[in-house]
Protein backbone atom coordinates (compact mmCIF):
# COMPACT_ATOMS: atom_id res chain seq x y z
CA UNK A 1 33.43 10.52 -0.15
CA UNK A 2 31.06 10.74 2.48
CA UNK A 3 33.01 11.94 6.41
CA UNK A 4 29.66 12.58 8.19
CA UNK A 5 29.16 8.57 9.68
CA UNK A 6 30.83 8.75 12.66
CA UNK A 7 29.47 12.37 13.27
CA UNK A 8 25.83 11.41 13.35
CA UNK A 9 25.46 10.58 16.93
CA UNK A 10 26.75 13.56 18.12
CA UNK A 11 24.65 15.86 16.25
CA UNK A 12 20.97 14.74 17.24
CA UNK A 13 21.22 11.78 19.76
CA UNK A 14 20.16 8.23 17.93
CA UNK A 15 19.53 8.20 14.56
CA UNK A 16 16.70 5.19 13.63
CA UNK A 17 18.93 2.08 12.77
CA UNK A 18 19.95 1.58 9.51
CA UNK A 19 19.20 4.69 8.61
CA UNK A 20 21.94 5.82 6.33
CA UNK A 21 24.64 3.28 4.30
CA UNK A 22 28.18 3.09 4.61
CA UNK A 23 29.78 5.60 2.27
CA UNK A 24 31.36 3.01 -0.34
CA UNK A 25 27.35 2.23 -0.78
CA UNK A 26 26.19 5.26 -0.95
CA UNK A 27 28.01 6.63 -3.58
CA UNK A 28 27.09 3.14 -5.59
CA UNK A 29 23.22 4.33 -5.12
CA UNK A 30 24.33 7.80 -6.26
CA UNK A 31 25.07 6.67 -9.73
CA UNK A 32 22.64 3.85 -10.18
CA UNK A 33 20.58 5.36 -13.25
CA UNK A 34 18.97 3.58 -15.86
CA UNK A 35 20.76 3.90 -19.25
CA UNK A 36 18.83 6.00 -21.65
CA UNK A 37 17.60 2.96 -23.55
CA UNK A 38 15.91 1.35 -21.20
CA UNK A 39 13.97 4.62 -20.09
CA UNK A 40 10.44 5.10 -21.26
CA UNK A 41 8.81 7.67 -22.76
CA UNK A 42 5.65 7.44 -20.16
CA UNK A 43 4.98 5.94 -16.90
CA UNK A 44 1.58 4.91 -15.63
CA UNK A 45 0.02 5.75 -12.37
CA UNK A 46 0.76 1.97 -11.27
CA UNK A 47 4.42 2.57 -12.14
CA UNK A 48 4.33 5.70 -9.82
CA UNK A 49 2.45 4.44 -6.71
CA UNK A 50 5.13 1.64 -6.27
CA UNK A 51 8.35 4.03 -6.26
CA UNK A 52 6.19 6.15 -4.45
CA UNK A 53 5.84 3.61 -1.41
CA UNK A 54 9.40 3.20 -1.56
CA UNK A 55 10.46 6.87 -1.58
CA UNK A 56 7.98 7.18 1.34
CA UNK A 57 9.28 3.95 3.02
CA UNK A 58 12.91 5.43 3.04
CA UNK A 59 11.62 8.37 4.97
CA UNK A 60 9.89 6.05 7.50
CA UNK A 61 12.62 4.25 8.04
CA UNK A 62 15.50 6.54 8.53
CA UNK A 63 13.73 9.38 10.74
CA UNK A 64 15.64 10.57 13.33
CA UNK A 65 14.39 9.48 16.88
CA UNK A 66 13.39 13.05 17.28
CA UNK A 67 11.82 13.62 14.40
CA UNK A 68 14.00 14.99 12.11
CA UNK A 69 16.39 13.59 8.71
CA UNK A 70 19.39 13.54 7.90
CA UNK A 71 22.34 15.35 10.74
CA UNK A 72 23.30 19.54 10.84
CA UNK A 73 27.18 18.25 10.41
CA UNK A 74 29.62 18.69 7.80
CA UNK A 75 29.53 15.21 5.82
CA UNK A 76 31.66 15.74 2.95
CA UNK A 77 34.53 17.86 1.80
CA UNK A 78 32.77 19.74 -0.78
CA UNK A 79 30.70 21.46 1.54
CA UNK A 80 33.16 21.69 4.61
CA UNK A 81 33.98 25.35 3.75
CA UNK A 82 30.60 26.36 5.03
CA UNK A 83 29.51 27.95 8.58
CA UNK A 84 28.30 25.37 10.69
CA UNK A 85 24.86 27.39 11.05
CA UNK A 86 24.46 26.41 7.54
CA UNK A 87 24.33 22.51 7.98
CA UNK A 88 21.05 23.49 10.60
CA UNK A 89 19.56 25.40 8.14
CA UNK A 90 20.22 22.72 5.10
CA UNK A 91 18.65 20.38 7.10
CA UNK A 92 16.10 22.43 8.68
CA UNK A 93 15.02 22.48 4.82
CA UNK A 94 15.64 19.00 4.05
CA UNK A 95 13.17 18.07 7.06
CA UNK A 96 10.54 20.47 5.73
CA UNK A 97 10.50 18.92 2.41
CA UNK A 98 10.45 15.60 3.33
CA UNK A 99 7.45 16.52 5.51
CA UNK A 100 6.10 18.32 2.48
CA UNK A 101 6.30 15.03 0.28
CA UNK A 102 4.48 12.92 2.97
CA UNK A 103 1.82 16.04 3.30
CA UNK A 104 0.95 15.55 -0.54
CA UNK A 105 1.35 11.77 -0.16
CA UNK A 106 -1.61 9.50 0.51
CA UNK A 107 -1.47 8.17 4.29
CA UNK A 108 -0.80 5.26 6.11
CA UNK A 109 -0.83 5.19 9.85
CA UNK A 110 3.37 4.63 9.68
CA UNK A 111 3.45 7.84 7.24
CA UNK A 112 1.01 9.98 9.44
CA UNK A 113 3.05 9.16 12.57
CA UNK A 114 6.48 10.12 10.58
CA UNK A 115 4.56 12.99 9.41
CA UNK A 116 3.64 14.95 12.54
CA UNK A 117 7.19 13.85 14.12
CA UNK A 118 7.98 15.57 11.64
CA UNK A 119 6.06 18.73 12.34
CA UNK A 120 6.64 18.52 15.75
CA UNK A 121 10.41 18.91 15.04
CA UNK A 122 9.76 21.41 12.59
CA UNK A 123 7.21 23.88 14.96
CA UNK A 124 9.79 23.06 18.10
CA UNK A 125 13.33 23.55 16.60
CA UNK A 126 14.66 26.55 17.50
CA UNK A 127 14.67 28.80 13.95
CA UNK A 128 18.27 28.89 12.45
CA UNK A 129 20.22 31.77 12.26
CA UNK A 130 21.91 34.03 9.35
CA UNK A 131 25.54 31.82 8.97
CA UNK A 132 27.74 34.34 8.12
CA UNK A 133 28.14 37.68 6.47
CA UNK A 134 27.96 36.38 2.69
CA UNK A 135 25.93 33.52 3.58
CA UNK A 136 22.82 33.46 4.28
CA UNK A 137 21.34 30.09 3.43
CA UNK A 138 18.96 30.26 6.26
CA UNK A 139 16.61 31.59 3.38
CA UNK A 140 16.33 27.78 2.55
CA UNK A 141 14.89 27.40 6.15
CA UNK A 142 12.64 29.94 6.04
CA UNK A 143 11.32 29.18 2.13
CA UNK A 144 10.51 25.76 2.67
CA UNK A 145 9.41 26.13 6.42
CA UNK A 146 6.87 28.99 5.27
CA UNK A 147 5.86 26.04 2.61
CA UNK A 148 5.65 23.36 5.32
CA UNK A 149 3.58 25.25 7.77
CA UNK A 150 1.14 27.44 5.37
CA UNK A 151 0.17 23.78 3.33
CA UNK A 152 -0.03 21.99 6.90
CA UNK A 153 -2.05 24.86 8.27
CA UNK A 154 -4.82 24.20 4.73
CA UNK A 155 -4.65 20.41 5.59
CA UNK A 156 -7.60 19.40 8.04
CA UNK A 157 -5.75 16.89 9.74
CA UNK A 158 -3.83 19.80 11.34
CA UNK A 159 -6.67 22.39 11.86
CA UNK A 160 -7.68 22.24 15.27
CA UNK A 161 -5.68 22.99 18.53
CA UNK A 162 -2.74 22.79 19.47
CA UNK A 163 -1.36 22.24 15.78
CA UNK A 164 -3.20 25.82 14.51
CA UNK A 165 -1.06 27.68 17.13
CA UNK A 166 2.00 25.83 16.91
CA UNK A 167 1.73 26.41 12.87
CA UNK A 168 1.00 29.77 12.82
CA UNK A 169 3.68 30.55 15.83
CA UNK A 170 6.63 28.58 13.37
CA UNK A 171 4.84 30.10 10.31
CA UNK A 172 5.11 33.85 11.58
CA UNK A 173 8.81 33.30 12.66
CA UNK A 174 9.60 32.28 9.03
CA UNK A 175 7.70 35.11 7.22
CA UNK A 176 9.25 37.64 9.45
CA UNK A 177 12.69 36.26 8.32
CA UNK A 178 12.02 36.40 4.76
CA UNK A 179 10.45 39.96 5.28
CA UNK A 180 13.37 41.09 6.82
CA UNK A 181 15.33 39.71 4.44
CA UNK A 182 13.98 40.62 1.20
CA UNK A 183 16.32 42.04 -0.98
CA UNK A 184 15.45 45.84 -2.14
CA UNK A 185 14.66 44.73 -5.89
CA UNK A 186 11.56 42.62 -4.15
CA UNK A 187 13.38 39.03 -4.39
CA UNK A 188 14.79 36.31 -1.93
CA UNK A 189 18.63 34.57 -1.93
CA UNK A 190 20.63 33.03 -0.19
CA UNK A 191 24.23 34.95 -0.49
CA UNK A 192 25.48 38.47 -0.53
CA UNK A 193 28.26 40.31 -1.96
CA UNK A 194 30.40 43.14 -0.27
CA UNK A 195 29.48 45.49 1.21
CA UNK A 196 27.64 43.27 3.25
CA UNK A 197 24.59 44.05 4.78
CA UNK A 198 22.32 43.17 7.58
CA UNK A 199 19.28 43.36 4.24
CA UNK A 200 20.94 41.12 1.84
CA UNK A 201 21.18 42.30 -1.93
CA UNK A 202 21.02 39.86 -3.79
CA UNK A 203 18.05 37.35 -5.31
CA UNK A 204 16.90 34.73 -7.30
CA UNK A 205 14.09 34.29 -9.72
CA UNK A 206 13.94 30.63 -8.75
CA UNK A 207 14.08 30.62 -4.53
CA UNK A 208 11.79 33.89 -5.01
CA UNK A 209 9.32 31.74 -6.90
CA UNK A 210 9.72 29.02 -4.65
CA UNK A 211 7.83 30.91 -1.69
CA UNK A 212 5.78 33.32 -3.49
CA UNK A 213 2.54 31.56 -3.28
CA UNK A 214 3.29 30.59 0.47
CA UNK A 215 3.80 34.29 1.50
CA UNK A 216 0.93 35.29 -0.46
CA UNK A 217 -1.25 32.53 1.64
CA UNK A 218 0.72 33.78 4.94
CA UNK A 219 -0.33 36.71 4.55
CA UNK A 220 -4.08 35.75 4.03
CA UNK A 221 -3.58 33.89 7.12
CA UNK A 222 -2.72 37.03 9.27
CA UNK A 223 1.12 35.64 9.85
CA UNK A 224 2.62 38.73 8.54
CA UNK A 225 3.14 42.14 10.32
CA UNK A 226 0.81 44.24 10.54
CA UNK A 227 3.90 46.81 8.87
CA UNK A 228 3.91 48.25 5.28
CA UNK A 229 6.86 46.62 4.59
CA UNK A 230 5.40 43.19 5.27
CA UNK A 231 2.11 44.41 3.39
CA UNK A 232 3.93 44.66 0.10
CA UNK A 233 6.51 41.55 0.39
CA UNK A 234 4.07 39.32 -1.94
CA UNK A 235 3.57 41.86 -4.60
CA UNK A 236 7.38 43.13 -4.68
CA UNK A 237 8.24 39.51 -5.00
CA UNK A 238 5.70 39.07 -7.71
CA UNK A 239 7.15 41.97 -9.51
CA UNK A 240 10.72 40.70 -9.16
CA UNK A 241 9.81 37.13 -10.90
CA UNK A 242 7.49 38.97 -13.72
CA UNK A 243 10.79 40.84 -14.20
CA UNK A 244 12.96 38.05 -14.20
CA UNK A 245 10.77 36.42 -17.25
CA UNK A 246 12.59 37.00 -20.78
CA UNK A 247 10.88 36.38 -24.14
CA UNK A 248 11.85 33.02 -25.35
CA UNK A 249 10.12 31.25 -22.43
CA UNK A 250 12.95 31.29 -20.12
CA UNK A 251 13.74 33.28 -16.68
CA UNK A 252 17.07 34.70 -15.83
CA UNK A 253 18.69 33.22 -12.83
CA UNK A 254 18.43 36.61 -11.40
CA UNK A 255 17.49 40.01 -11.90
CA UNK A 256 20.18 42.31 -13.32
CA UNK A 257 19.85 46.16 -14.52
CA UNK A 258 22.26 44.78 -17.47
CA UNK A 259 21.25 41.29 -18.71
CA UNK A 260 24.22 38.94 -18.33
CA UNK A 261 23.54 36.75 -21.58
CA UNK A 262 26.22 36.17 -23.09
CA UNK A 263 26.21 33.77 -25.57
CA UNK A 264 24.25 30.87 -27.19
CA UNK A 265 25.41 28.26 -23.94
CA UNK A 266 24.61 30.61 -21.49
CA UNK A 267 22.38 29.87 -18.05
CA UNK A 268 20.05 32.08 -19.17
CA UNK A 269 18.82 30.63 -22.12
CA UNK A 270 16.08 28.09 -22.15
CA UNK A 271 18.29 24.82 -21.82
CA UNK A 272 20.07 26.47 -19.13
CA UNK A 273 16.65 27.72 -17.46
CA UNK A 274 14.36 24.07 -17.77
CA UNK A 275 14.09 24.03 -13.51
CA UNK A 276 13.42 27.71 -13.08
CA UNK A 277 10.89 28.21 -16.12
CA UNK A 278 8.90 25.15 -14.28
CA UNK A 279 9.09 26.86 -10.37
CA UNK A 280 8.51 30.59 -11.68
CA UNK A 281 5.41 29.82 -14.15
CA UNK A 282 3.61 27.96 -11.77
CA UNK A 283 4.32 30.54 -8.83
CA UNK A 284 3.15 33.90 -11.05
CA UNK A 285 -0.13 31.77 -12.07
CA UNK A 286 -1.09 31.07 -8.33
CA UNK A 287 -0.34 35.19 -7.67
CA UNK A 288 -2.86 35.79 -10.63
CA UNK A 289 -0.77 36.74 -13.07
CA UNK A 290 -2.90 36.53 -16.17
CA UNK A 291 -0.21 35.92 -18.27
CA UNK A 292 0.42 33.09 -17.31
CA UNK A 293 -2.04 31.04 -18.85
CA UNK A 294 -1.93 27.01 -19.26
CA UNK A 295 -1.04 27.15 -22.79
CA UNK A 296 2.23 29.24 -21.64
CA UNK A 297 2.55 26.83 -18.94
CA UNK A 298 1.84 24.05 -21.24
CA UNK A 299 4.89 25.41 -23.14
CA UNK A 300 7.26 25.52 -20.16
CA UNK A 301 6.52 21.94 -19.67
CA UNK A 302 6.92 21.11 -23.38
CA UNK A 303 10.75 23.02 -22.88
CA UNK A 304 11.44 20.89 -20.39
CA UNK A 305 11.13 17.36 -22.34
CA UNK A 306 12.45 18.62 -25.15
CA UNK A 307 15.64 19.92 -23.39
CA UNK A 308 15.36 17.28 -20.69
CA UNK A 309 19.02 15.76 -21.23
CA UNK A 310 20.72 18.52 -20.02
CA UNK A 311 19.43 17.93 -16.85
CA UNK A 312 20.28 14.60 -16.91
CA UNK A 313 24.04 15.80 -17.66
CA UNK A 314 23.93 17.65 -14.76
CA UNK A 315 22.29 15.50 -12.22
CA UNK A 316 25.20 14.09 -9.78
CA UNK A 317 27.91 16.33 -10.49
CA UNK A 318 29.07 17.98 -7.03
CA UNK A 319 30.43 21.41 -8.48
CA UNK A 320 27.27 23.79 -9.07
CA UNK A 321 26.90 24.76 -12.81
CA UNK A 322 29.32 22.87 -14.08
CA UNK A 323 27.12 20.87 -16.96
CA UNK A 324 26.16 22.23 -20.12
CA UNK A 325 24.24 25.51 -20.29
CA UNK A 326 25.72 25.93 -16.63
CA UNK A 327 22.81 23.54 -15.13
CA UNK A 328 23.74 22.15 -11.65
CA UNK A 329 22.19 19.03 -9.88
CA UNK A 330 20.41 20.28 -7.57
CA UNK A 331 17.96 21.43 -10.28
CA UNK A 332 16.97 18.20 -10.92
CA UNK A 333 14.12 17.01 -8.53
CA UNK A 334 13.60 20.52 -7.85
CA UNK A 335 13.28 21.32 -11.31
CA UNK A 336 10.80 17.96 -11.43
CA UNK A 337 8.83 18.82 -8.21
CA UNK A 338 7.79 22.16 -10.01
CA UNK A 339 6.71 21.03 -13.29
CA UNK A 340 4.77 18.27 -11.33
CA UNK A 341 3.23 21.39 -9.69
CA UNK A 342 2.75 23.54 -13.04
CA UNK A 343 0.94 20.42 -14.71
CA UNK A 344 -1.02 19.98 -11.57
CA UNK A 345 -2.48 23.81 -12.45
CA UNK A 346 -3.39 22.47 -16.29
CA UNK A 347 -6.87 21.63 -17.35
CA UNK A 348 -7.58 18.16 -15.54
CA UNK A 349 -8.06 16.49 -18.86
CA UNK A 350 -4.42 17.63 -20.07
CA UNK A 351 -2.85 16.37 -16.33
CA UNK A 352 -2.13 13.05 -17.06
CA UNK A 353 -0.29 13.18 -20.51
CA UNK A 354 2.24 15.33 -18.82
CA UNK A 355 2.41 13.45 -15.66
CA UNK A 356 3.11 10.28 -17.42
CA UNK A 357 5.77 11.87 -18.99
CA UNK A 358 7.29 13.13 -16.01
CA UNK A 359 7.31 10.14 -14.24
CA UNK A 360 10.29 7.82 -16.11
CA UNK A 361 12.64 10.69 -15.15
CA UNK A 362 11.87 10.84 -11.51
CA UNK A 363 11.62 7.18 -11.46
CA UNK A 364 14.88 6.50 -13.38
CA UNK A 365 16.54 7.85 -10.51
CA UNK A 366 15.28 5.95 -7.91
CA UNK A 367 17.80 4.37 -5.51
CA UNK A 368 18.36 0.64 -4.67
CA UNK A 369 16.97 1.84 -0.56
CA UNK A 370 13.86 3.90 -2.03
CA UNK A 371 15.69 7.45 -1.79
CA UNK A 372 16.71 10.11 -4.12
CA UNK A 373 19.55 12.44 -4.73
CA UNK A 374 20.80 14.38 -7.35
CA UNK A 375 23.76 16.88 -5.84
CA UNK A 376 25.96 15.69 -3.25
CA UNK A 377 25.10 12.68 -1.21
CA UNK A 378 24.98 14.31 2.66
CA UNK A 379 22.08 13.15 4.71
CA UNK A 380 20.28 16.26 4.54
CA UNK A 381 20.16 16.72 0.39
CA UNK A 382 18.85 13.46 0.15
CA UNK A 383 15.82 13.78 2.68
CA UNK A 384 15.09 16.90 0.40
CA UNK A 385 15.21 15.24 -3.12
CA UNK A 386 13.80 12.65 -1.57
CA UNK A 387 10.98 14.86 -0.08
CA UNK A 388 11.07 16.50 -3.67
CA UNK A 389 10.93 13.21 -5.90
CA UNK A 390 7.99 11.92 -3.56
CA UNK A 391 5.92 15.70 -4.27
CA UNK A 392 5.97 15.14 -8.14
CA UNK A 393 5.11 11.62 -7.96
CA UNK A 394 2.30 12.15 -5.47
CA UNK A 395 1.01 15.57 -7.33
CA UNK A 396 0.23 12.79 -10.13
CA UNK A 397 -2.17 10.70 -8.92
CA UNK A 398 -5.63 11.10 -9.63
CA UNK A 399 -6.52 11.33 -5.80
CA UNK A 400 -3.84 14.16 -4.97
CA UNK A 401 -5.83 17.42 -4.18
CA UNK A 402 -4.48 20.33 -2.59
CA UNK A 403 -5.18 23.46 -0.83
CA UNK A 404 -3.02 26.50 -0.24
CA UNK A 405 0.08 26.85 -2.10
């Protein structure tokens, strides 16, 4: 059930007309998935364009008047126990991901205007604070805020003043938060355990990998402070992700002195690591790790498709890690976006066959209004999921090209 409809106008002012459906319609859309028997093994570029147009149409229609998407409010019981600042952090990350999907996609005047409004909000709004002693979900705002600003800084459309200065200012703020919150082992996470400390002590392989290429690019752009700590940030993060690599091709959820692998159905097996394999392989390859060859990327993608049913089983389960092999619903579009990123690192002649296999698993989950959702249907998550799905589809277009991370 969705509780946020009465709160939507309170947080940010007026929303775009018809921005979000009623709770009943939203719940119905959330479960709209084609039966397995109706899902083809491959889909064409034309299919991707049609689905992408609908996804971007949703973002254009539902953008708030101030350029953001969604709200920073409590919209459901599942996440009602967090600090209010957590919702703002999630919204910030959702806007960054929606903007990222728009940046990678073919441009139209409406999409360009939507993208510029989203980036304006990202660089002008206050940066989120740490929500509480144990909860550091502002990490996701820093991770995807840096990804979005770095990518925009490398986009010719935003290469002139005043964009360059505004993007750099916010990029430095995101990077500064990451440097200050890098755990002693070198990674980044979003929670902490007692005794609570200013610098958190827990990180994950996938949150670290998601921002690793952006932090390396931020250093090249001069966005990191001129301190020994900042200078070593990227190298330490690379080491963290590398140390999470397991012999079977999986990546541990987090780095532990004693691995927590506890049996055949454990989260750190391949079937529990399907989303993490793609982002970690991609990040290490972007960081120049020689062990992540095209063959290694292809092996990770083969595992992704072979065991994809376990991601299907987890999608839209509102309790984290309750599905087989402790998969969580929120790994669905995360895994598919980074699968597309990994495919984009393969030799050109190999890419289309992988993208053709990826598209059905994205498109089959598209909702009637063009949006996507994989976990809890709060507005900030819908914006994030739609942005990730759009990025996954856009990276598979023949004209897809990118600079930076």
